[in-house]
């Protein structure tokens, strides 16, 4: 199974509105990096699908993490960052 970690790219800065985009960096097990631009309200399943296609690996073999916590398909960047900031 492949582990990938999703991190916000540096330079995002500031609070994002629902319609705004955020740049995400996906780091593969081999430390390769792929950058994505997604809306704050996009379900991360779309990110996983795109990464899977680019890397040529089945989506069900991937596990995405954000700060050590597994990301579910229906989560959004907005939910992850609010949780990270302690705004449950």
PDB file of N, CA and C in Angstrom:
ATOM      1  N   UNK A   1       0.843  -1.176   0.000  1.00  0.00           N
ATOM      2  CA  UNK A   1       0.000   0.000   0.000  1.00  0.00           C
ATOM      3  C   UNK A   1       0.888   1.238   0.000  1.00  0.00           C
ATOM      4  N   UNK A   2       0.504   2.245  -0.672  1.00  0.00           N
ATOM      5  CA  UNK A   2       1.288   3.461  -0.779  1.00  0.00           C
ATOM      6  C   UNK A   2       0.765   4.505   0.200  1.00  0.00           C
ATOM      7  N   UNK A   3       1.663   5.118   0.934  1.00  0.00           N
ATOM      8  CA  UNK A   3       1.297   6.210   1.835  1.00  0.00           C
ATOM      9  C   UNK A   3       1.641   7.519   1.154  1.00  0.00           C
ATOM     10  N   UNK A   4       0.741   8.470   1.212  1.00  0.00           N
ATOM     11  CA  UNK A   4       1.023   9.800   0.710  1.00  0.00           C
ATOM     12  C   UNK A   4       0.601  10.785   1.769  1.00  0.00           C
ATOM     13  N   UNK A   5       1.285  11.895   1.825  1.00  0.00           N
ATOM     14  CA  UNK A   5       0.931  12.911   2.801  1.00  0.00           C
ATOM     15  C   UNK A   5       0.574  14.178   2.060  1.00  0.00           C
ATOM     16  N   UNK A   6      -0.534  14.762   2.432  1.00  0.00           N
ATOM     17  CA  UNK A   6      -0.999  15.992   1.823  1.00  0.00           C
ATOM     18  C   UNK A   6      -0.631  17.142   2.737  1.00  0.00           C
ATOM     19  N   UNK A   7       0.058  18.127   2.169  1.00  0.00           N
ATOM     20  CA  UNK A   7       0.453  19.293   2.953  1.00  0.00           C
ATOM     21  C   UNK A   7       0.072  20.542   2.180  1.00  0.00           C
ATOM     22  N   UNK A   8      -0.321  21.594   2.897  1.00  0.00           N
ATOM     23  CA  UNK A   8      -0.543  22.848   2.191  1.00  0.00           C
ATOM     24  C   UNK A   8       0.800  23.378   1.715  1.00  0.00           C
ATOM     25  N   UNK A   9       0.867  23.894   0.504  1.00  0.00           N
ATOM     26  CA  UNK A   9       2.099  24.476   0.001  1.00  0.00           C
ATOM     27  C   UNK A   9       2.378  25.771   0.735  1.00  0.00           C
ATOM     28  N   UNK A  10       3.650  26.095   0.868  1.00  0.00           N
ATOM     29  CA  UNK A  10       3.990  27.354   1.512  1.00  0.00           C
ATOM     30  C   UNK A  10       3.506  28.489   0.623  1.00  0.00           C
ATOM     31  N   UNK A  11       3.159  29.588   1.255  1.00  0.00           N
ATOM     32  CA  UNK A  11       2.685  30.731   0.506  1.00  0.00           C
ATOM     33  C   UNK A  11       1.178  30.791   0.375  1.00  0.00           C
ATOM     34  N   UNK A  12       0.459  29.844   0.980  1.00  0.00           N
ATOM     35  CA  UNK A  12      -0.995  29.896   0.916  1.00  0.00           C
ATOM     36  C   UNK A  12      -1.507  31.064   1.741  1.00  0.00           C
ATOM     37  N   UNK A  13      -1.002  31.169   2.963  1.00  0.00           N
ATOM     38  CA  UNK A  13      -1.280  32.248   3.888  1.00  0.00           C
ATOM     39  C   UNK A  13      -2.713  32.718   3.962  1.00  0.00           C
ATOM     40  N   UNK A  14      -3.135  33.050   5.141  1.00  0.00           N
ATOM     41  CA  UNK A  14      -4.439  33.648   5.330  1.00  0.00           C
ATOM     42  C   UNK A  14      -5.583  32.670   5.299  1.00  0.00           C
ATOM     43  N   UNK A  15      -6.734  33.184   5.686  1.00  0.00           N
ATOM     44  CA  UNK A  15      -7.952  32.372   5.732  1.00  0.00           C
ATOM     45  C   UNK A  15      -8.552  32.294   4.338  1.00  0.00           C
ATOM     46  N   UNK A  16      -9.078  31.135   3.990  1.00  0.00           N
ATOM     47  CA  UNK A  16      -9.648  30.925   2.662  1.00  0.00           C
ATOM     48  C   UNK A  16     -11.172  30.930   2.732  1.00  0.00           C
ATOM     49  N   UNK A  17     -11.806  31.491   1.710  1.00  0.00           N
ATOM     50  CA  UNK A  17     -13.261  31.454   1.603  1.00  0.00           C
ATOM     51  C   UNK A  17     -13.657  30.196   0.849  1.00  0.00           C
ATOM     52  N   UNK A  18     -14.947  29.821   0.937  1.00  0.00           N
ATOM     53  CA  UNK A  18     -15.426  28.582   0.330  1.00  0.00           C
ATOM     54  C   UNK A  18     -15.101  28.464  -1.155  1.00  0.00           C
ATOM     55  N   UNK A  19     -15.233  29.541  -1.922  1.00  0.00           N
ATOM     56  CA  UNK A  19     -15.015  29.474  -3.356  1.00  0.00           C
ATOM     57  C   UNK A  19     -13.566  29.597  -3.766  1.00  0.00           C
ATOM     58  N   UNK A  20     -12.686  29.840  -2.823  1.00  0.00           N
ATOM     59  CA  UNK A  20     -11.284  30.038  -3.145  1.00  0.00           C
ATOM     60  C   UNK A  20     -10.548  28.718  -3.280  1.00  0.00           C
ATOM     61  N   UNK A  21      -9.430  28.795  -3.969  1.00  0.00           N
ATOM     62  CA  UNK A  21      -8.606  27.621  -4.195  1.00  0.00           C
ATOM     63  C   UNK A  21      -7.443  27.579  -3.212  1.00  0.00           C
ATOM     64  N   UNK A  22      -6.943  26.389  -3.016  1.00  0.00           N
ATOM     65  CA  UNK A  22      -5.768  26.184  -2.186  1.00  0.00           C
ATOM     66  C   UNK A  22      -4.826  25.273  -2.961  1.00  0.00           C
ATOM     67  N   UNK A  23      -3.542  25.494  -2.791  1.00  0.00           N
ATOM     68  CA  UNK A  23      -2.548  24.633  -3.427  1.00  0.00           C
ATOM     69  C   UNK A  23      -2.140  23.564  -2.430  1.00  0.00           C
ATOM     70  N   UNK A  24      -2.234  22.303  -2.850  1.00  0.00           N
ATOM     71  CA  UNK A  24      -1.846  21.177  -2.004  1.00  0.00           C
ATOM     72  C   UNK A  24      -0.672  20.454  -2.635  1.00  0.00           C
ATOM     73  N   UNK A  25       0.212  19.984  -1.794  1.00  0.00           N
ATOM     74  CA  UNK A  25       1.358  19.208  -2.244  1.00  0.00           C
ATOM     75  C   UNK A  25       1.184  17.790  -1.726  1.00  0.00           C
ATOM     76  N   UNK A  26       1.172  16.822  -2.628  1.00  0.00           N
ATOM     77  CA  UNK A  26       1.066  15.415  -2.247  1.00  0.00           C
ATOM     78  C   UNK A  26       2.458  14.811  -2.367  1.00  0.00           C
ATOM     79  N   UNK A  27       2.939  14.254  -1.265  1.00  0.00           N
ATOM     80  CA  UNK A  27       4.273  13.658  -1.218  1.00  0.00           C
ATOM     81  C   UNK A  27       4.120  12.144  -1.177  1.00  0.00           C
ATOM     82  N   UNK A  28       4.686  11.474  -2.169  1.00  0.00           N
ATOM     83  CA  UNK A  28       4.610  10.020  -2.253  1.00  0.00           C
ATOM     84  C   UNK A  28       5.616   9.345  -1.340  1.00  0.00           C
ATOM     85  N   UNK A  29       5.494   8.028  -1.224  1.00  0.00           N
ATOM     86  CA  UNK A  29       6.414   7.241  -0.404  1.00  0.00           C
ATOM     87  C   UNK A  29       7.853   7.425  -0.847  1.00  0.00           C
ATOM     88  N   UNK A  30       8.045   7.658  -2.132  1.00  0.00           N
ATOM     89  CA  UNK A  30       9.395   7.837  -2.673  1.00  0.00           C
ATOM     90  C   UNK A  30       9.842   9.302  -2.618  1.00  0.00           C
ATOM     91  N   UNK A  31       9.112  10.124  -1.872  1.00  0.00           N
ATOM     92  CA  UNK A  31       9.363  11.558  -1.701  1.00  0.00           C
ATOM     93  C   UNK A  31       9.124  12.379  -2.965  1.00  0.00           C
ATOM     94  N   UNK A  32       8.484  11.803  -3.974  1.00  0.00           N
ATOM     95  CA  UNK A  32       8.112  12.583  -5.153  1.00  0.00           C
ATOM     96  C   UNK A  32       6.967  13.516  -4.761  1.00  0.00           C
ATOM     97  N   UNK A  33       6.931  14.676  -5.386  1.00  0.00           N
ATOM     98  CA  UNK A  33       5.913  15.673  -5.065  1.00  0.00           C
ATOM     99  C   UNK A  33       5.060  15.973  -6.291  1.00  0.00           C
ATOM    100  N   UNK A  34       3.759  16.044  -6.083  1.00  0.00           N
ATOM    101  CA  UNK A  34       2.829  16.486  -7.117  1.00  0.00           C
ATOM    102  C   UNK A  34       1.964  17.569  -6.490  1.00  0.00           C
ATOM    103  N   UNK A  35       1.823  18.680  -7.203  1.00  0.00           N
ATOM    104  CA  UNK A  35       1.056  19.815  -6.696  1.00  0.00           C
ATOM    105  C   UNK A  35      -0.321  19.848  -7.348  1.00  0.00           C
ATOM    106  N   UNK A  36      -1.317  20.196  -6.539  1.00  0.00           N
ATOM    107  CA  UNK A  36      -2.700  20.276  -6.998  1.00  0.00           C
ATOM    108  C   UNK A  36      -3.294  21.601  -6.541  1.00  0.00           C
ATOM    109  N   UNK A  37      -4.217  22.118  -7.323  1.00  0.00           N
ATOM    110  CA  UNK A  37      -4.970  23.314  -6.955  1.00  0.00           C
ATOM    111  C   UNK A  37      -6.427  22.887  -6.846  1.00  0.00           C
ATOM    112  N   UNK A  38      -6.994  22.968  -5.637  1.00  0.00           N
ATOM    113  CA  UNK A  38      -8.370  22.521  -5.408  1.00  0.00           C
ATOM    114  C   UNK A  38      -9.137  23.580  -4.625  1.00  0.00           C
ATOM    115  N   UNK A  39     -10.457  23.545  -4.758  1.00  0.00           N
ATOM    116  CA  UNK A  39     -11.300  24.434  -3.956  1.00  0.00           C
ATOM    117  C   UNK A  39     -11.325  23.940  -2.517  1.00  0.00           C
ATOM    118  N   UNK A  40     -11.536  24.851  -1.602  1.00  0.00           N
ATOM    119  CA  UNK A  40     -11.596  24.511  -0.179  1.00  0.00           C
ATOM    120  C   UNK A  40     -12.757  23.574   0.133  1.00  0.00           C
ATOM    121  N   UNK A  41     -13.764  23.533  -0.734  1.00  0.00           N
ATOM    122  CA  UNK A  41     -14.951  22.713  -0.481  1.00  0.00           C
ATOM    123  C   UNK A  41     -14.996  21.435  -1.328  1.00  0.00           C
ATOM    124  N   UNK A  42     -13.939  21.154  -2.071  1.00  0.00           N
ATOM    125  CA  UNK A  42     -13.892  19.951  -2.909  1.00  0.00           C
ATOM    126  C   UNK A  42     -13.631  18.720  -2.054  1.00  0.00           C
ATOM    127  N   UNK A  43     -14.419  17.666  -2.263  1.00  0.00           N
ATOM    128  CA  UNK A  43     -14.160  16.414  -1.552  1.00  0.00           C
ATOM    129  C   UNK A  43     -12.818  15.861  -2.008  1.00  0.00           C
ATOM    130  N   UNK A  44     -12.028  15.399  -1.053  1.00  0.00           N
ATOM    131  CA  UNK A  44     -10.675  14.966  -1.355  1.00  0.00           C
ATOM    132  C   UNK A  44     -10.616  13.664  -2.149  1.00  0.00           C
ATOM    133  N   UNK A  45     -11.754  13.036  -2.361  1.00  0.00           N
ATOM    134  CA  UNK A  45     -11.793  11.866  -3.244  1.00  0.00           C
ATOM    135  C   UNK A  45     -11.324  12.260  -4.646  1.00  0.00           C
ATOM    136  N   UNK A  46     -11.676  13.472  -5.076  1.00  0.00           N
ATOM    137  CA  UNK A  46     -11.258  13.948  -6.394  1.00  0.00           C
ATOM    138  C   UNK A  46      -9.738  14.083  -6.464  1.00  0.00           C
ATOM    139  N   UNK A  47      -9.129  14.545  -5.392  1.00  0.00           N
ATOM    140  CA  UNK A  47      -7.671  14.652  -5.327  1.00  0.00           C
ATOM    141  C   UNK A  47      -7.041  13.263  -5.427  1.00  0.00           C
ATOM    142  N   UNK A  48      -7.599  12.315  -4.695  1.00  0.00           N
ATOM    143  CA  UNK A  48      -7.087  10.941  -4.724  1.00  0.00           C
ATOM    144  C   UNK A  48      -7.210  10.340  -6.123  1.00  0.00           C
ATOM    145  N   UNK A  49      -8.352  10.577  -6.773  1.00  0.00           N
ATOM    146  CA  UNK A  49      -8.557  10.051  -8.126  1.00  0.00           C
ATOM    147  C   UNK A  49      -7.534  10.626  -9.098  1.00  0.00           C
ATOM    148  N   UNK A  50      -7.307  11.921  -9.017  1.00  0.00           N
ATOM    149  CA  UNK A  50      -6.356  12.575  -9.904  1.00  0.00           C
ATOM    150  C   UNK A  50      -4.935  12.070  -9.651  1.00  0.00           C
ATOM    151  N   UNK A  51      -4.559  11.950  -8.390  1.00  0.00           N
ATOM    152  CA  UNK A  51      -3.228  11.440  -8.042  1.00  0.00           C
ATOM    153  C   UNK A  51      -3.066  10.010  -8.553  1.00  0.00           C
ATOM    154  N   UNK A  52      -4.083   9.205  -8.366  1.00  0.00           N
ATOM    155  CA  UNK A  52      -4.061   7.811  -8.809  1.00  0.00           C
ATOM    156  C   UNK A  52      -3.836   7.718 -10.320  1.00  0.00           C
ATOM    157  N   UNK A  53      -4.537   8.553 -11.078  1.00  0.00           N
ATOM    158  CA  UNK A  53      -4.392   8.551 -12.533  1.00  0.00           C
ATOM    159  C   UNK A  53      -3.001   9.006 -12.953  1.00  0.00           C
ATOM    160  N   UNK A  54      -2.500  10.061 -12.336  1.00  0.00           N
ATOM    161  CA  UNK A  54      -1.175  10.582 -12.694  1.00  0.00           C
ATOM    162  C   UNK A  54      -0.065   9.583 -12.394  1.00  0.00           C
ATOM    163  N   UNK A  55      -0.210   8.863 -11.296  1.00  0.00           N
ATOM    164  CA  UNK A  55       0.821   7.917 -10.880  1.00  0.00           C
ATOM    165  C   UNK A  55       0.625   6.533 -11.501  1.00  0.00           C
ATOM    166  N   UNK A  56      -0.547   6.295 -12.077  1.00  0.00           N
ATOM    167  CA  UNK A  56      -0.820   5.010 -12.700  1.00  0.00           C
ATOM    168  C   UNK A  56      -0.977   3.872 -11.704  1.00  0.00           C
ATOM    169  N   UNK A  57      -1.546   4.187 -10.547  1.00  0.00           N
ATOM    170  CA  UNK A  57      -1.770   3.160  -9.521  1.00  0.00           C
ATOM    171  C   UNK A  57      -3.251   3.137  -9.146  1.00  0.00           C
ATOM    172  N   UNK A  58      -3.763   1.976  -8.751  1.00  0.00           N
ATOM    173  CA  UNK A  58      -5.172   1.903  -8.339  1.00  0.00           C
ATOM    174  C   UNK A  58      -5.431   2.756  -7.098  1.00  0.00           C
ATOM    175  N   UNK A  59      -6.565   3.445  -7.100  1.00  0.00           N
ATOM    176  CA  UNK A  59      -6.890   4.326  -5.980  1.00  0.00           C
ATOM    177  C   UNK A  59      -7.002   3.563  -4.663  1.00  0.00           C
ATOM    178  N   UNK A  60      -7.461   2.318  -4.722  1.00  0.00           N
ATOM    179  CA  UNK A  60      -7.650   1.561  -3.480  1.00  0.00           C
ATOM    180  C   UNK A  60      -6.335   1.104  -2.847  1.00  0.00           C
ATOM    181  N   UNK A  61      -5.206   1.385  -3.508  1.00  0.00           N
ATOM    182  CA  UNK A  61      -3.909   1.049  -2.911  1.00  0.00           C
ATOM    183  C   UNK A  61      -3.275   2.253  -2.222  1.00  0.00           C
ATOM    184  N   UNK A  62      -3.962   3.391  -2.268  1.00  0.00           N
ATOM    185  CA  UNK A  62      -3.419   4.628  -1.703  1.00  0.00           C
ATOM    186  C   UNK A  62      -4.033   4.940  -0.351  1.00  0.00           C
ATOM    187  N   UNK A  63      -3.225   5.569   0.492  1.00  0.00           N
ATOM    188  CA  UNK A  63      -3.681   6.057   1.790  1.00  0.00           C
ATOM    189  C   UNK A  63      -3.155   7.480   1.919  1.00  0.00           C
ATOM    190  N   UNK A  64      -4.043   8.444   2.042  1.00  0.00           N
ATOM    191  CA  UNK A  64      -3.637   9.837   2.167  1.00  0.00           C
ATOM    192  C   UNK A  64      -3.685  10.247   3.631  1.00  0.00           C
ATOM    193  N   UNK A  65      -2.649  10.984   4.045  1.00  0.00           N
ATOM    194  CA  UNK A  65      -2.549  11.450   5.428  1.00  0.00           C
ATOM    195  C   UNK A  65      -2.377  12.961   5.450  1.00  0.00           C
ATOM    196  N   UNK A  66      -2.919  13.580   6.478  1.00  0.00           N
ATOM    197  CA  UNK A  66      -2.680  14.997   6.748  1.00  0.00           C
ATOM    198  C   UNK A  66      -2.255  15.096   8.198  1.00  0.00           C
ATOM    199  N   UNK A  67      -1.013  15.504   8.404  1.00  0.00           N
ATOM    200  CA  UNK A  67      -0.436  15.594   9.746  1.00  0.00           C
ATOM    201  C   UNK A  67      -0.603  14.289  10.517  1.00  0.00           C
ATOM    202  N   UNK A  68      -0.355  13.175   9.824  1.00  0.00           N
ATOM    203  CA  UNK A  68      -0.385  11.862  10.457  1.00  0.00           C
ATOM    204  C   UNK A  68      -1.754  11.223  10.577  1.00  0.00           C
ATOM    205  N   UNK A  69      -2.808  11.944  10.239  1.00  0.00           N
ATOM    206  CA  UNK A  69      -4.170  11.421  10.330  1.00  0.00           C
ATOM    207  C   UNK A  69      -4.673  11.060   8.938  1.00  0.00           C
ATOM    208  N   UNK A  70      -5.318   9.916   8.840  1.00  0.00           N
ATOM    209  CA  UNK A  70      -5.841   9.460   7.557  1.00  0.00           C
ATOM    210  C   UNK A  70      -6.972  10.373   7.083  1.00  0.00           C
ATOM    211  N   UNK A  71      -6.981  10.657   5.793  1.00  0.00           N
ATOM    212  CA  UNK A  71      -7.996  11.510   5.182  1.00  0.00           C
ATOM    213  C   UNK A  71      -9.072  10.622   4.567  1.00  0.00           C
ATOM    214  N   UNK A  72     -10.340  10.927   4.853  1.00  0.00           N
ATOM    215  CA  UNK A  72     -11.431  10.165   4.240  1.00  0.00           C
ATOM    216  C   UNK A  72     -11.862  10.853   2.940  1.00  0.00           C
ATOM    217  N   UNK A  73     -12.492  10.088   2.067  1.00  0.00           N
ATOM    218  CA  UNK A  73     -12.876  10.587   0.748  1.00  0.00           C
ATOM    219  C   UNK A  73     -13.820  11.777   0.800  1.00  0.00           C
ATOM    220  N   UNK A  74     -14.684  11.834   1.806  1.00  0.00           N
ATOM    221  CA  UNK A  74     -15.687  12.900   1.838  1.00  0.00           C
ATOM    222  C   UNK A  74     -15.229  14.142   2.592  1.00  0.00           C
ATOM    223  N   UNK A  75     -13.999  14.172   3.074  1.00  0.00           N
ATOM    224  CA  UNK A  75     -13.494  15.364   3.748  1.00  0.00           C
ATOM    225  C   UNK A  75     -13.081  16.406   2.717  1.00  0.00           C
ATOM    226  N   UNK A  76     -13.065  17.662   3.159  1.00  0.00           N
ATOM    227  CA  UNK A  76     -12.645  18.774   2.316  1.00  0.00           C
ATOM    228  C   UNK A  76     -11.440  19.447   2.957  1.00  0.00           C
ATOM    229  N   UNK A  77     -10.664  20.206   2.176  1.00  0.00           N
ATOM    230  CA  UNK A  77      -9.561  20.953   2.784  1.00  0.00           C
ATOM    231  C   UNK A  77     -10.048  21.879   3.901  1.00  0.00           C
ATOM    232  N   UNK A  78     -11.223  22.474   3.706  1.00  0.00           N
ATOM    233  CA  UNK A  78     -11.775  23.377   4.725  1.00  0.00           C
ATOM    234  C   UNK A  78     -11.962  22.640   6.052  1.00  0.00           C
ATOM    235  N   UNK A  79     -12.542  21.438   6.008  1.00  0.00           N
ATOM    236  CA  UNK A  79     -12.750  20.649   7.230  1.00  0.00           C
ATOM    237  C   UNK A  79     -11.425  20.302   7.894  1.00  0.00           C
ATOM    238  N   UNK A  80     -10.446  19.910   7.092  1.00  0.00           N
ATOM    239  CA  UNK A  80      -9.147  19.533   7.651  1.00  0.00           C
ATOM    240  C   UNK A  80      -8.472  20.707   8.346  1.00  0.00           C
ATOM    241  N   UNK A  81      -8.509  21.876   7.715  1.00  0.00           N
ATOM    242  CA  UNK A  81      -7.839  23.028   8.294  1.00  0.00           C
ATOM    243  C   UNK A  81      -8.573  23.570   9.511  1.00  0.00           C
ATOM    244  N   UNK A  82      -9.905  23.534   9.510  1.00  0.00           N
ATOM    245  CA  UNK A  82     -10.647  23.968  10.692  1.00  0.00           C
ATOM    246  C   UNK A  82     -10.361  23.035  11.859  1.00  0.00           C
ATOM    247  N   UNK A  83     -10.307  21.740  11.586  1.00  0.00           N
ATOM    248  CA  UNK A  83      -9.988  20.764  12.633  1.00  0.00           C
ATOM    249  C   UNK A  83      -8.569  20.998  13.143  1.00  0.00           C
ATOM    250  N   UNK A  84      -7.646  21.254  12.225  1.00  0.00           N
ATOM    251  CA  UNK A  84      -6.248  21.510  12.586  1.00  0.00           C
ATOM    252  C   UNK A  84      -6.126  22.747  13.481  1.00  0.00           C
ATOM    253  N   UNK A  85      -6.947  23.748  13.213  1.00  0.00           N
ATOM    254  CA  UNK A  85      -6.897  24.984  13.997  1.00  0.00           C
ATOM    255  C   UNK A  85      -7.657  24.876  15.313  1.00  0.00           C
ATOM    256  N   UNK A  86      -8.352  23.753  15.508  1.00  0.00           N
ATOM    257  CA  UNK A  86      -9.101  23.555  16.743  1.00  0.00           C
ATOM    258  C   UNK A  86     -10.507  24.118  16.698  1.00  0.00           C
ATOM    259  N   UNK A  87     -11.010  24.401  15.512  1.00  0.00           N
ATOM    260  CA  UNK A  87     -12.358  24.955  15.344  1.00  0.00           C
ATOM    261  C   UNK A  87     -13.319  23.830  14.990  1.00  0.00           C
ATOM    262  N   UNK A  88     -13.585  22.928  15.887  1.00  0.00           N
ATOM    263  CA  UNK A  88     -14.422  21.751  15.586  1.00  0.00           C
ATOM    264  C   UNK A  88     -15.812  22.210  15.307  1.00  0.00           C
TER     265      UNK A  88
END
